[in-house]
């Protein structure tokens, strides 16, 4: 019985650690997206339309996709609906902070 309890604790610790890794990776991607957004806006200001289009179609949209996948992977590890709802609300507010406008063109 003690071995089962110990195993459950190890599994819980591993899930918490993985959840933290995914949260950190997601935050890092959001930081990268912020830098990209600022760079794209700067390029728009100097009227370099082809460079903006190229940047949007390649790097920015790929990172948005990777970030969405990280978010979904992290949510699989959440143990209750309230935590998932809270994370979805946080993620949605971060992604609507200008990123989605850039994605839509």
C-alpha atoms as a PDB file:
ATOM      1  CA  UNK A   1       0.000   0.000   0.000  1.00  0.00           C
ATOM      2  CA  UNK A   2       2.860   2.344   0.854  1.00  0.00           C
ATOM      3  CA  UNK A   3       4.467   1.594  -2.533  1.00  0.00           C
ATOM      4  CA  UNK A   4       1.254   2.559  -4.341  1.00  0.00           C
ATOM      5  CA  UNK A   5       1.070   5.851  -2.439  1.00  0.00           C
ATOM      6  CA  UNK A   6       4.704   6.570  -3.266  1.00  0.00           C
ATOM      7  CA  UNK A   7       4.086   5.807  -6.936  1.00  0.00           C
ATOM      8  CA  UNK A   8       1.046   8.110  -6.989  1.00  0.00           C
ATOM      9  CA  UNK A   9       3.139  10.906  -5.484  1.00  0.00           C
ATOM     10  CA  UNK A  10       5.848  10.404  -8.122  1.00  0.00           C
ATOM     11  CA  UNK A  11       3.268  10.507 -10.915  1.00  0.00           C
ATOM     12  CA  UNK A  12       1.726  13.666  -9.449  1.00  0.00           C
ATOM     13  CA  UNK A  13       5.150  15.311  -9.196  1.00  0.00           C
ATOM     14  CA  UNK A  14       5.959  14.367 -12.794  1.00  0.00           C
ATOM     15  CA  UNK A  15       2.666  15.824 -14.021  1.00  0.00           C
ATOM     16  CA  UNK A  16       3.235  19.055 -12.090  1.00  0.00           C
ATOM     17  CA  UNK A  17       6.752  19.326 -13.506  1.00  0.00           C
ATOM     18  CA  UNK A  18       5.523  18.705 -17.075  1.00  0.00           C
ATOM     19  CA  UNK A  19       2.730  21.223 -16.613  1.00  0.00           C
ATOM     20  CA  UNK A  20       5.262  23.827 -15.468  1.00  0.00           C
ATOM     21  CA  UNK A  21       7.501  23.062 -18.467  1.00  0.00           C
ATOM     22  CA  UNK A  22       4.593  23.575 -20.845  1.00  0.00           C
ATOM     23  CA  UNK A  23       3.561  26.822 -19.143  1.00  0.00           C
ATOM     24  CA  UNK A  24       7.120  28.130 -19.402  1.00  0.00           C
ATOM     25  CA  UNK A  25       7.382  27.142 -23.061  1.00  0.00           C
ATOM     26  CA  UNK A  26       4.050  28.810 -23.804  1.00  0.00           C
ATOM     27  CA  UNK A  27       5.157  32.031 -22.084  1.00  0.00           C
ATOM     28  CA  UNK A  28       8.410  31.988 -24.026  1.00  0.00           C
ATOM     29  CA  UNK A  29       6.508  31.622 -27.313  1.00  0.00           C
ATOM     30  CA  UNK A  30       4.215  34.497 -26.358  1.00  0.00           C
ATOM     31  CA  UNK A  31       7.262  36.666 -25.678  1.00  0.00           C
ATOM     32  CA  UNK A  32       8.639  35.740 -29.071  1.00  0.00           C
ATOM     33  CA  UNK A  33       5.303  36.577 -30.673  1.00  0.00           C
ATOM     34  CA  UNK A  34       5.334  39.998 -28.984  1.00  0.00           C
ATOM     35  CA  UNK A  35       8.773  40.725 -30.442  1.00  0.00           C
ATOM     36  CA  UNK A  36       7.623  39.529 -33.871  1.00  0.00           C
ATOM     37  CA  UNK A  37       4.473  41.651 -33.670  1.00  0.00           C
ATOM     38  CA  UNK A  38       6.527  44.731 -32.840  1.00  0.00           C
ATOM     39  CA  UNK A  39       8.944  43.982 -35.675  1.00  0.00           C
ATOM     40  CA  UNK A  40       6.076  43.508 -38.138  1.00  0.00           C
ATOM     41  CA  UNK A  41       4.483  46.794 -37.059  1.00  0.00           C
ATOM     42  CA  UNK A  42       7.816  48.555 -37.531  1.00  0.00           C
ATOM     43  CA  UNK A  43       8.148  47.062 -41.022  1.00  0.00           C
ATOM     44  CA  UNK A  44       4.612  48.200 -41.827  1.00  0.00           C
ATOM     45  CA  UNK A  45       5.595  51.723 -40.788  1.00  0.00           C
ATOM     46  CA  UNK A  46       8.459  51.777 -43.269  1.00  0.00           C
ATOM     47  CA  UNK A  47       6.214  50.357 -46.006  1.00  0.00           C
ATOM     48  CA  UNK A  48       8.137  47.149 -46.624  1.00  0.00           C
ATOM     49  CA  UNK A  49       5.028  45.202 -47.631  1.00  0.00           C
ATOM     50  CA  UNK A  50       6.763  42.166 -49.121  1.00  0.00           C
ATOM     51  CA  UNK A  51       8.943  41.663 -46.059  1.00  0.00           C
ATOM     52  CA  UNK A  52       5.927  41.994 -43.762  1.00  0.00           C
ATOM     53  CA  UNK A  53       3.956  39.483 -45.829  1.00  0.00           C
ATOM     54  CA  UNK A  54       6.838  37.028 -45.885  1.00  0.00           C
ATOM     55  CA  UNK A  55       7.414  37.318 -42.129  1.00  0.00           C
ATOM     56  CA  UNK A  56       3.716  36.837 -41.424  1.00  0.00           C
ATOM     57  CA  UNK A  57       3.326  33.827 -43.690  1.00  0.00           C
ATOM     58  CA  UNK A  58       6.346  31.995 -42.340  1.00  0.00           C
ATOM     59  CA  UNK A  59       7.685  32.696 -38.896  1.00  0.00           C
ATOM     60  CA  UNK A  60       4.769  34.373 -37.152  1.00  0.00           C
ATOM     61  CA  UNK A  61       2.029  31.945 -38.174  1.00  0.00           C
ATOM     62  CA  UNK A  62       4.265  28.948 -37.407  1.00  0.00           C
ATOM     63  CA  UNK A  63       4.938  30.201 -33.891  1.00  0.00           C
ATOM     64  CA  UNK A  64       1.213  30.881 -33.383  1.00  0.00           C
ATOM     65  CA  UNK A  65       0.501  27.277 -34.373  1.00  0.00           C
ATOM     66  CA  UNK A  66       3.240  25.922 -32.076  1.00  0.00           C
ATOM     67  CA  UNK A  67       1.951  28.057 -29.227  1.00  0.00           C
ATOM     68  CA  UNK A  68      -1.597  26.749 -29.698  1.00  0.00           C
ATOM     69  CA  UNK A  69      -0.270  23.175 -29.631  1.00  0.00           C
ATOM     70  CA  UNK A  70       1.635  23.886 -26.396  1.00  0.00           C
ATOM     71  CA  UNK A  71      -1.497  25.346 -24.841  1.00  0.00           C
ATOM     72  CA  UNK A  72      -3.565  22.309 -25.806  1.00  0.00           C
ATOM     73  CA  UNK A  73      -0.897  19.882 -24.541  1.00  0.00           C
ATOM     74  CA  UNK A  74      -0.764  21.713 -21.236  1.00  0.00           C
ATOM     75  CA  UNK A  75      -4.541  21.626 -20.846  1.00  0.00           C
ATOM     76  CA  UNK A  76      -4.550  17.838 -21.162  1.00  0.00           C
ATOM     77  CA  UNK A  77      -2.549  17.691 -17.929  1.00  0.00           C
ATOM     78  CA  UNK A  78      -4.889  19.918 -15.931  1.00  0.00           C
ATOM     79  CA  UNK A  79      -6.822  17.976 -13.348  1.00  0.00           C
ATOM     80  CA  UNK A  80      -9.983  20.037 -13.039  1.00  0.00           C
ATOM     81  CA  UNK A  81     -12.293  22.121 -15.191  1.00  0.00           C
ATOM     82  CA  UNK A  82     -11.730  25.317 -13.194  1.00  0.00           C
ATOM     83  CA  UNK A  83      -7.976  25.208 -13.818  1.00  0.00           C
ATOM     84  CA  UNK A  84      -8.566  24.552 -17.513  1.00  0.00           C
ATOM     85  CA  UNK A  85     -11.065  27.419 -17.733  1.00  0.00           C
ATOM     86  CA  UNK A  86      -8.645  29.770 -15.975  1.00  0.00           C
ATOM     87  CA  UNK A  87      -5.818  28.810 -18.339  1.00  0.00           C
ATOM     88  CA  UNK A  88      -8.043  29.189 -21.410  1.00  0.00           C
ATOM     89  CA  UNK A  89      -9.128  32.656 -20.294  1.00  0.00           C
ATOM     90  CA  UNK A  90      -5.503  33.690 -19.711  1.00  0.00           C
ATOM     91  CA  UNK A  91      -4.386  32.286 -23.064  1.00  0.00           C
ATOM     92  CA  UNK A  92      -7.286  33.846 -24.972  1.00  0.00           C
ATOM     93  CA  UNK A  93      -6.593  37.273 -23.457  1.00  0.00           C
ATOM     94  CA  UNK A  94      -2.889  36.987 -24.343  1.00  0.00           C
ATOM     95  CA  UNK A  95      -3.580  35.885 -27.900  1.00  0.00           C
ATOM     96  CA  UNK A  96      -6.126  38.632 -28.506  1.00  0.00           C
ATOM     97  CA  UNK A  97      -3.591  41.217 -27.390  1.00  0.00           C
ATOM     98  CA  UNK A  98      -2.875  41.981 -31.032  1.00  0.00           C
ATOM     99  CA  UNK A  99      -1.615  38.603 -32.215  1.00  0.00           C
ATOM    100  CA  UNK A 100      -4.882  37.422 -33.707  1.00  0.00           C
ATOM    101  CA  UNK A 101      -5.284  40.721 -35.548  1.00  0.00           C
ATOM    102  CA  UNK A 102      -1.942  40.107 -37.232  1.00  0.00           C
ATOM    103  CA  UNK A 103      -2.875  36.512 -38.047  1.00  0.00           C
ATOM    104  CA  UNK A 104      -6.077  37.612 -39.734  1.00  0.00           C
ATOM    105  CA  UNK A 105      -4.211  40.161 -41.826  1.00  0.00           C
END
